[in-house]
Amino acid sequence: MSAGCEVLYDEGANTTTTRSLNYRSLEELEIEGGCQKGLLSLLVEIGNSVDIQCLPNRNCLQRLILRNCPMLSSFPKDGLPTTLRTLYIQNCKRLEFLPDEMLAKLTSLESLWIENSCDSLRNFSLSIFPKLKKLDIRGSENLESLSFIEGGVNENLSHLRELFIDDCPNLMCFQCQGGWPTPNLNDFTVGKCKNFKSLPEGIHTLTALRLLQVDDLPNLESFAEGGLPPNIRDLCIRSCERLRAPVVKYWGLEGLVSLEYFIIGGSILETLLKEHLLPTTLRTLVISGCDSILVLPGEGEGLRHLTSLQLLQIDAFENLQFLPGEGLQHLTSLQNKTGKDWTKISHIPCIRVNGQVIII
């Protein structure tokens, strides 16, 4: 193989063991920057494997992907290469996650993805990883807590940029002391966690946060009572039935001058629309799931001041009967451009109702 080799792909990985990883035991091998560092130096992807007790060229391995290994139960006894920067685990439900003492050796790890894997994992501590930039955990059935604490105090997690937690039905909380130790967090998502009850206080201190999604948390009782992050651009708050209307007044939505994309649903929506709490910077507004609303707020309320709005999407309003008499004149399209409500929304560039695009 020539020194300029960059990619080798072998889809004939049908062996039952990777005790001695050879070409036939690999599904994908990618070498970035040539072969001078060794054929297995930068990326190894393993599928349908039972054992990975030996990883080759361990000094150079930077990316390890484990996919669809239902019988895989353990990592190598002496841990993973300390050079590892990315660890991706998908559909490996029996795999025992690495103990803390082994995780602590992964001082170069920047990205960790765990999806439908490691069912024995119950508690996860971010403080172990000094360089972790992205954490993505999905479908972790038994995960109960995510911790920012080390030695009783918050660890400084200034390196963390993205945090995505989804479909973890037993997750109840994030463990931290006195607020968020993640000053450079850009993207944060938590969703489909039916037992999740509260987020740490002080989310308004996350000045670097640009995307925030809080979705399908039926037991979430409190959220952003001190206000929302001031520089947020994309915001989703939906299907959080226990959040009550009074809390939205503390969010400071009207002062979020960077907010352009907003998805909001549930009973709190009615208060937002009636009390003029939405910022004028909104370009996209998606509202859904509030059966108590019969008429969208009219003149002087809710939507009239949204002069930058380009797309309005309305979903799952079972009892909605009328659009406002005034306040949506800057939208410019409706499917048929006819009917008694057409003039009320003729100025909006794009509208969707129950998922159907109303043509520009």
Protein backbone atom coordinates (compact mmCIF):
# COMPACT_ATOMS: atom_id res chain seq x y z
CA MET A 1 0.00 0.00 0.00
CA SER A 2 1.41 3.39 -0.94
CA ALA A 3 2.36 6.10 1.52
CA GLY A 4 -0.41 8.30 0.15
CA CYS A 5 -3.15 5.91 1.21
CA GLU A 6 -6.00 7.73 2.96
CA VAL A 7 -9.00 5.40 3.11
CA LEU A 8 -9.50 1.66 3.28
CA TYR A 9 -13.03 0.28 3.53
CA ASP A 10 -13.83 -3.39 4.00
CA GLU A 11 -17.46 -4.45 4.31
CA GLY A 12 -16.61 -8.10 4.76
CA ALA A 13 -16.24 -7.91 8.53
CA ASN A 14 -17.76 -11.20 9.57
CA THR A 15 -15.39 -12.54 12.19
CA THR A 16 -16.59 -13.19 15.72
CA THR A 17 -13.54 -11.82 17.47
CA THR A 18 -11.19 -8.87 17.18
CA ARG A 19 -8.60 -10.33 19.50
CA SER A 20 -6.05 -9.67 16.77
CA LEU A 21 -7.50 -6.93 14.61
CA ASN A 22 -6.66 -7.60 10.98
CA TYR A 23 -8.19 -6.20 7.83
CA ARG A 24 -10.98 -8.77 7.75
CA SER A 25 -12.18 -7.82 11.20
CA LEU A 26 -12.70 -4.18 10.23
CA GLU A 27 -15.74 -2.60 8.70
CA GLU A 28 -14.07 0.71 8.12
CA LEU A 29 -10.55 2.01 8.39
CA GLU A 30 -9.70 5.59 7.60
CA ILE A 31 -6.20 7.00 7.66
CA GLU A 32 -5.97 10.80 7.73
CA GLY A 33 -2.70 12.23 6.58
CA GLY A 34 -1.10 9.14 5.05
CA CYS A 35 0.05 5.77 6.29
CA GLN A 36 3.29 6.82 7.92
CA LYS A 37 1.69 6.50 11.37
CA GLY A 38 0.64 2.95 10.77
CA LEU A 39 -2.27 1.39 8.97
CA LEU A 40 -4.47 1.33 12.07
CA SER A 41 -3.34 4.65 13.44
CA LEU A 42 -6.23 7.07 13.30
CA LEU A 43 -9.59 5.38 12.93
CA VAL A 44 -10.99 1.94 13.64
CA GLU A 45 -14.62 0.98 13.20
CA ILE A 46 -15.76 -2.39 14.50
CA GLY A 47 -19.11 -4.05 13.98
CA ASN A 48 -20.72 -7.36 14.94
CA SER A 49 -17.90 -8.18 17.32
CA VAL A 50 -17.77 -10.18 20.53
CA ASP A 51 -14.36 -9.22 21.87
CA ILE A 52 -11.99 -6.26 21.49
CA GLN A 53 -9.29 -7.29 23.93
CA CYS A 54 -6.49 -6.17 21.65
CA LEU A 55 -6.33 -2.89 19.78
CA PRO A 56 -3.41 -2.48 17.37
CA ASN A 57 -1.01 0.47 17.15
CA ARG A 58 -2.45 1.80 20.38
CA ASN A 59 -0.07 4.77 20.53
CA CYS A 60 -1.72 6.37 17.49
CA LEU A 61 -5.39 5.42 17.69
CA GLN A 62 -7.49 8.58 17.79
CA ARG A 63 -10.99 7.45 16.86
CA LEU A 64 -12.81 4.28 17.87
CA ILE A 65 -16.33 3.43 16.69
CA LEU A 66 -18.24 0.42 18.00
CA ARG A 67 -21.51 -0.33 16.23
CA ASN A 68 -24.10 -3.10 16.43
CA CYS A 69 -22.21 -5.41 18.76
CA PRO A 70 -25.00 -6.92 20.89
CA MET A 71 -22.75 -9.57 22.43
CA LEU A 72 -19.82 -7.29 23.21
CA SER A 73 -19.51 -7.09 26.99
CA SER A 74 -16.20 -5.45 27.85
CA PHE A 75 -13.41 -3.16 26.76
CA PRO A 76 -9.77 -4.28 26.87
CA LYS A 77 -8.71 -5.07 30.43
CA ASP A 78 -6.01 -2.41 30.40
CA GLY A 79 -8.33 0.26 29.00
CA LEU A 80 -8.36 2.23 25.77
CA PRO A 81 -5.51 4.09 24.07
CA THR A 82 -4.71 7.34 25.84
CA THR A 83 -4.44 9.04 22.43
CA LEU A 84 -8.16 8.50 21.76
CA ARG A 85 -9.98 11.70 20.80
CA THR A 86 -13.35 10.28 19.71
CA LEU A 87 -15.27 7.34 21.16
CA TYR A 88 -18.56 6.38 19.49
CA ILE A 89 -20.64 3.49 20.87
CA GLN A 90 -23.92 2.50 19.21
CA ASN A 91 -26.19 -0.50 19.81
CA CYS A 92 -23.87 -2.28 22.24
CA LYS A 93 -26.32 -2.78 25.08
CA ARG A 94 -24.35 -5.39 27.03
CA LEU A 95 -21.12 -3.45 26.97
CA GLU A 96 -19.88 -2.45 30.43
CA PHE A 97 -18.79 1.16 30.38
CA LEU A 98 -15.24 1.88 31.44
CA PRO A 99 -14.62 2.37 35.18
CA ASP A 100 -13.58 5.82 36.38
CA GLU A 101 -9.93 4.90 36.81
CA MET A 102 -9.70 3.92 33.13
CA LEU A 103 -11.73 6.89 31.95
CA ALA A 104 -9.36 9.20 33.80
CA LYS A 105 -6.55 8.07 31.50
CA LEU A 106 -8.38 9.30 28.40
CA THR A 107 -6.91 12.76 28.77
CA SER A 108 -7.20 13.51 25.02
CA LEU A 109 -10.87 12.54 24.61
CA GLU A 110 -12.86 15.36 23.00
CA SER A 111 -16.04 13.66 21.74
CA LEU A 112 -18.08 10.89 23.38
CA TRP A 113 -21.26 9.42 21.88
CA ILE A 114 -23.23 6.66 23.62
CA GLU A 115 -26.41 5.51 21.87
CA ASN A 116 -28.57 2.55 22.93
CA SER A 117 -25.56 1.09 24.70
CA CYS A 118 -24.02 0.34 28.09
CA ASP A 119 -27.28 -0.53 29.85
CA SER A 120 -25.47 -0.92 33.17
CA LEU A 121 -24.53 2.78 33.18
CA ARG A 122 -26.37 4.57 36.00
CA ASN A 123 -24.23 7.57 36.88
CA PHE A 124 -22.00 9.59 34.61
CA SER A 125 -19.43 12.17 35.69
CA LEU A 126 -18.19 14.79 33.24
CA SER A 127 -15.46 15.89 35.62
CA ILE A 128 -13.28 12.93 34.62
CA PHE A 129 -12.51 14.29 31.15
CA PRO A 130 -10.22 17.34 31.06
CA LYS A 131 -10.73 18.05 27.33
CA LEU A 132 -14.22 16.75 26.50
CA LYS A 133 -15.94 19.13 24.06
CA LYS A 134 -18.99 17.10 23.08
CA LEU A 135 -21.10 14.62 25.04
CA ASP A 136 -24.05 12.88 23.38
CA ILE A 137 -26.04 10.25 25.32
CA ARG A 138 -29.15 8.71 23.73
CA GLY A 139 -31.32 5.79 24.73
CA SER A 140 -29.53 5.08 28.01
CA GLU A 141 -32.29 3.19 29.78
CA ASN A 142 -30.84 3.11 33.30
CA LEU A 143 -28.94 6.39 33.51
CA GLU A 144 -30.11 8.22 36.64
CA SER A 145 -27.79 11.19 37.05
CA LEU A 146 -25.24 13.30 35.24
CA SER A 147 -22.65 14.90 37.50
CA PHE A 148 -20.55 18.04 37.17
CA ILE A 149 -19.07 17.53 40.65
CA GLU A 150 -15.59 16.40 41.66
CA GLY A 151 -14.64 16.22 45.34
CA GLY A 152 -17.86 17.90 46.46
CA VAL A 153 -17.45 20.99 44.27
CA ASN A 154 -18.14 21.79 40.63
CA GLU A 155 -15.40 20.86 38.22
CA ASN A 156 -14.38 23.56 35.74
CA LEU A 157 -15.79 22.27 32.45
CA SER A 158 -14.80 25.26 30.32
CA HIS A 159 -13.89 22.91 27.45
CA LEU A 160 -17.45 21.56 27.02
CA ARG A 161 -19.22 22.98 23.95
CA GLU A 162 -22.10 20.57 23.23
CA LEU A 163 -24.28 18.56 25.60
CA PHE A 164 -27.06 16.37 24.16
CA ILE A 165 -29.16 14.07 26.37
CA ASP A 166 -32.14 12.27 24.84
CA ASP A 167 -34.43 9.33 25.63
CA CYS A 168 -33.06 8.52 29.09
CA PRO A 169 -36.28 7.61 30.93
CA ASN A 170 -34.72 7.25 34.39
CA LEU A 171 -32.59 10.38 34.35
CA MET A 172 -33.79 12.64 37.15
CA CYS A 173 -31.27 15.45 37.46
CA PHE A 174 -27.89 17.00 36.79
CA GLN A 175 -25.74 17.03 39.92
CA CYS A 176 -23.90 20.30 40.49
CA GLN A 177 -23.24 22.84 43.21
CA GLY A 178 -24.23 26.47 42.78
CA GLY A 179 -24.84 26.67 39.06
CA TRP A 180 -23.38 25.58 35.75
CA PRO A 181 -19.60 25.01 35.50
CA THR A 182 -19.78 25.16 31.68
CA PRO A 183 -19.10 28.80 30.70
CA ASN A 184 -18.39 27.99 27.03
CA LEU A 185 -21.34 25.68 26.37
CA ASN A 186 -22.81 26.49 22.92
CA ASP A 187 -25.51 23.84 22.42
CA PHE A 188 -27.62 22.15 25.10
CA THR A 189 -30.46 19.67 24.52
CA VAL A 190 -32.36 17.51 26.98
CA GLY A 191 -35.43 15.62 25.79
CA LYS A 192 -37.61 12.54 26.19
CA CYS A 193 -36.62 11.99 29.83
CA LYS A 194 -39.91 11.26 31.56
CA ASN A 195 -38.56 11.38 35.13
CA PHE A 196 -36.42 14.49 34.74
CA LYS A 197 -37.52 17.11 37.28
CA SER A 198 -35.18 20.08 37.31
CA LEU A 199 -32.22 21.78 35.70
CA PRO A 200 -29.49 23.44 37.75
CA GLU A 201 -30.09 27.06 38.69
CA GLY A 202 -28.32 29.86 36.90
CA ILE A 203 -28.80 28.86 33.27
CA HIS A 204 -28.92 32.61 32.52
CA THR A 205 -25.18 32.74 33.25
CA LEU A 206 -24.40 30.68 30.13
CA THR A 207 -23.55 33.64 27.92
CA ALA A 208 -22.00 31.44 25.20
CA LEU A 209 -25.16 29.35 24.76
CA ARG A 210 -26.72 29.70 21.30
CA LEU A 211 -29.04 26.67 21.12
CA LEU A 212 -31.27 25.43 23.95
CA GLN A 213 -33.82 22.63 23.58
CA VAL A 214 -36.00 21.40 26.44
CA ASP A 215 -38.46 18.94 24.95
CA ASP A 216 -40.79 16.21 26.20
CA LEU A 217 -39.98 16.44 29.91
CA PRO A 218 -43.41 15.77 31.43
CA ASN A 219 -42.18 16.06 35.04
CA LEU A 220 -40.02 19.16 34.70
CA GLU A 221 -41.24 21.48 37.45
CA SER A 222 -38.89 24.44 37.26
CA PHE A 223 -36.88 26.01 34.49
CA ALA A 224 -34.91 29.24 34.04
CA GLU A 225 -36.54 31.05 36.95
CA GLY A 226 -33.58 33.43 36.94
CA GLY A 227 -33.96 34.09 33.23
CA LEU A 228 -32.76 32.57 29.96
CA PRO A 229 -29.24 32.78 28.48
CA PRO A 230 -28.93 36.31 27.04
CA ASN A 231 -27.39 35.40 23.68
CA ILE A 232 -29.60 32.46 22.73
CA ARG A 233 -30.50 32.22 19.02
CA ASP A 234 -32.48 28.96 18.82
CA LEU A 235 -34.89 27.98 21.59
CA CYS A 236 -37.30 25.06 21.98
CA ILE A 237 -39.54 24.57 25.02
CA ARG A 238 -42.19 21.97 24.37
CA SER A 239 -44.18 19.13 26.00
CA CYS A 240 -43.29 20.11 29.56
CA GLU A 241 -46.75 19.76 31.08
CA ARG A 242 -45.76 20.63 34.65
CA LEU A 243 -44.32 24.01 33.78
CA ARG A 244 -46.86 26.61 34.82
CA ALA A 245 -47.67 29.90 33.14
CA PRO A 246 -46.28 32.24 35.85
CA VAL A 247 -42.73 30.99 35.28
CA VAL A 248 -42.57 32.42 31.74
CA LYS A 249 -42.61 35.97 33.10
CA TYR A 250 -39.20 35.35 34.65
CA TRP A 251 -37.59 34.15 31.43
CA GLY A 252 -37.04 37.63 30.03
CA LEU A 253 -37.93 36.55 26.50
CA GLU A 254 -38.69 40.07 25.35
CA GLY A 255 -35.09 41.06 26.08
CA LEU A 256 -33.44 38.27 24.07
CA VAL A 257 -32.23 40.39 21.17
CA SER A 258 -30.46 37.47 19.44
CA LEU A 259 -33.42 35.06 19.47
CA GLU A 260 -34.53 34.23 15.92
CA TYR A 261 -35.96 30.70 16.06
CA PHE A 262 -38.47 29.72 18.75
CA ILE A 263 -40.52 26.54 19.22
CA ILE A 264 -43.00 26.71 22.07
CA GLY A 265 -45.85 24.42 23.06
CA GLY A 266 -48.17 23.59 25.93
CA SER A 267 -50.23 25.59 28.39
CA ILE A 268 -47.52 28.23 28.91
CA LEU A 269 -48.03 29.33 25.32
CA GLU A 270 -51.26 31.15 26.11
CA THR A 271 -49.52 33.49 28.56
CA LEU A 272 -46.71 34.23 26.11
CA LEU A 273 -49.12 35.21 23.36
CA LYS A 274 -51.44 37.30 25.48
CA GLU A 275 -48.84 39.31 27.37
CA HIS A 276 -46.57 40.54 24.59
CA LEU A 277 -43.55 38.57 25.86
CA LEU A 278 -42.00 37.54 22.53
CA PRO A 279 -38.95 39.41 21.18
CA THR A 280 -39.23 41.44 17.98
CA THR A 281 -36.17 39.67 16.53
CA LEU A 282 -38.04 36.40 15.88
CA ARG A 283 -37.85 35.17 12.29
CA THR A 284 -39.36 31.72 12.85
CA LEU A 285 -42.09 30.91 15.38
CA VAL A 286 -43.52 27.42 15.83
CA ILE A 287 -46.45 27.14 18.25
CA SER A 288 -48.16 23.88 19.13
CA GLY A 289 -50.30 21.88 21.49
CA CYS A 290 -52.50 24.30 23.40
CA ASP A 291 -56.11 23.16 23.18
CA SER A 292 -57.39 25.99 25.38
CA ILE A 293 -56.69 28.61 22.71
CA LEU A 294 -59.72 29.36 20.54
CA VAL A 295 -58.51 32.61 19.00
CA LEU A 296 -54.92 33.72 18.51
CA PRO A 297 -54.33 37.02 20.35
CA GLY A 298 -55.49 40.07 18.50
CA GLU A 299 -54.47 43.70 18.23
CA GLY A 300 -51.98 44.84 20.86
CA GLU A 301 -51.23 41.30 21.97
CA GLY A 302 -48.87 38.47 21.23
CA LEU A 303 -47.89 38.57 17.57
CA ARG A 304 -48.56 42.07 16.30
CA HIS A 305 -45.10 43.43 17.15
CA LEU A 306 -43.20 40.57 15.46
CA THR A 307 -42.23 42.62 12.43
CA SER A 308 -39.24 40.38 11.56
CA LEU A 309 -41.33 37.19 11.44
CA GLN A 310 -40.86 35.21 8.22
CA LEU A 311 -42.30 31.82 9.11
CA LEU A 312 -45.20 31.01 11.40
CA GLN A 313 -46.02 27.33 11.99
CA ILE A 314 -49.17 26.31 13.86
CA ASP A 315 -49.50 22.67 14.97
CA ALA A 316 -52.05 20.70 17.00
CA PHE A 317 -54.47 23.46 17.96
CA GLU A 318 -57.56 21.28 18.14
CA ASN A 319 -59.93 24.12 19.09
CA LEU A 320 -58.45 27.06 17.20
CA GLN A 321 -61.21 28.87 15.32
CA PHE A 322 -59.93 32.32 14.37
CA LEU A 323 -56.73 34.15 13.57
CA PRO A 324 -56.25 37.65 15.00
CA GLY A 325 -57.96 40.56 13.31
CA GLU A 326 -54.69 42.48 13.14
CA GLY A 327 -51.04 41.88 13.84
CA LEU A 328 -49.85 39.47 11.16
CA GLN A 329 -49.92 41.75 8.14
CA HIS A 330 -46.22 41.33 7.36
CA LEU A 331 -46.69 37.65 6.42
CA THR A 332 -47.20 37.28 2.67
CA SER A 333 -48.59 33.87 1.82
CA LEU A 334 -51.51 31.54 2.33
CA GLN A 335 -52.25 28.35 0.46
CA ASN A 336 -55.21 29.59 -1.54
CA LYS A 337 -54.96 33.31 -0.76
CA THR A 338 -58.69 33.33 -0.20
CA GLY A 339 -61.09 33.22 2.71
CA LYS A 340 -62.06 35.67 5.41
CA ASP A 341 -58.75 35.36 7.30
CA TRP A 342 -56.42 35.85 4.32
CA THR A 343 -55.90 39.57 4.85
CA LYS A 344 -54.89 38.95 8.45
CA ILE A 345 -51.81 36.94 7.50
CA SER A 346 -51.10 38.04 3.92
CA HIS A 347 -47.80 39.66 4.93
CA ILE A 348 -46.02 36.57 6.38
CA PRO A 349 -43.52 34.98 3.92
CA CYS A 350 -44.31 31.41 4.95
CA ILE A 351 -46.92 29.67 7.10
CA ARG A 352 -47.34 26.03 8.08
CA VAL A 353 -50.46 24.63 9.70
CA ASN A 354 -50.28 21.08 11.12
CA GLY A 355 -47.17 20.37 9.10
CA GLN A 356 -48.59 21.49 5.75
CA VAL A 357 -46.71 24.30 4.05
CA ILE A 358 -48.91 27.16 3.01
CA ILE A 359 -47.30 28.24 -0.25
CA ILE A 360 -45.43 31.53 -0.53
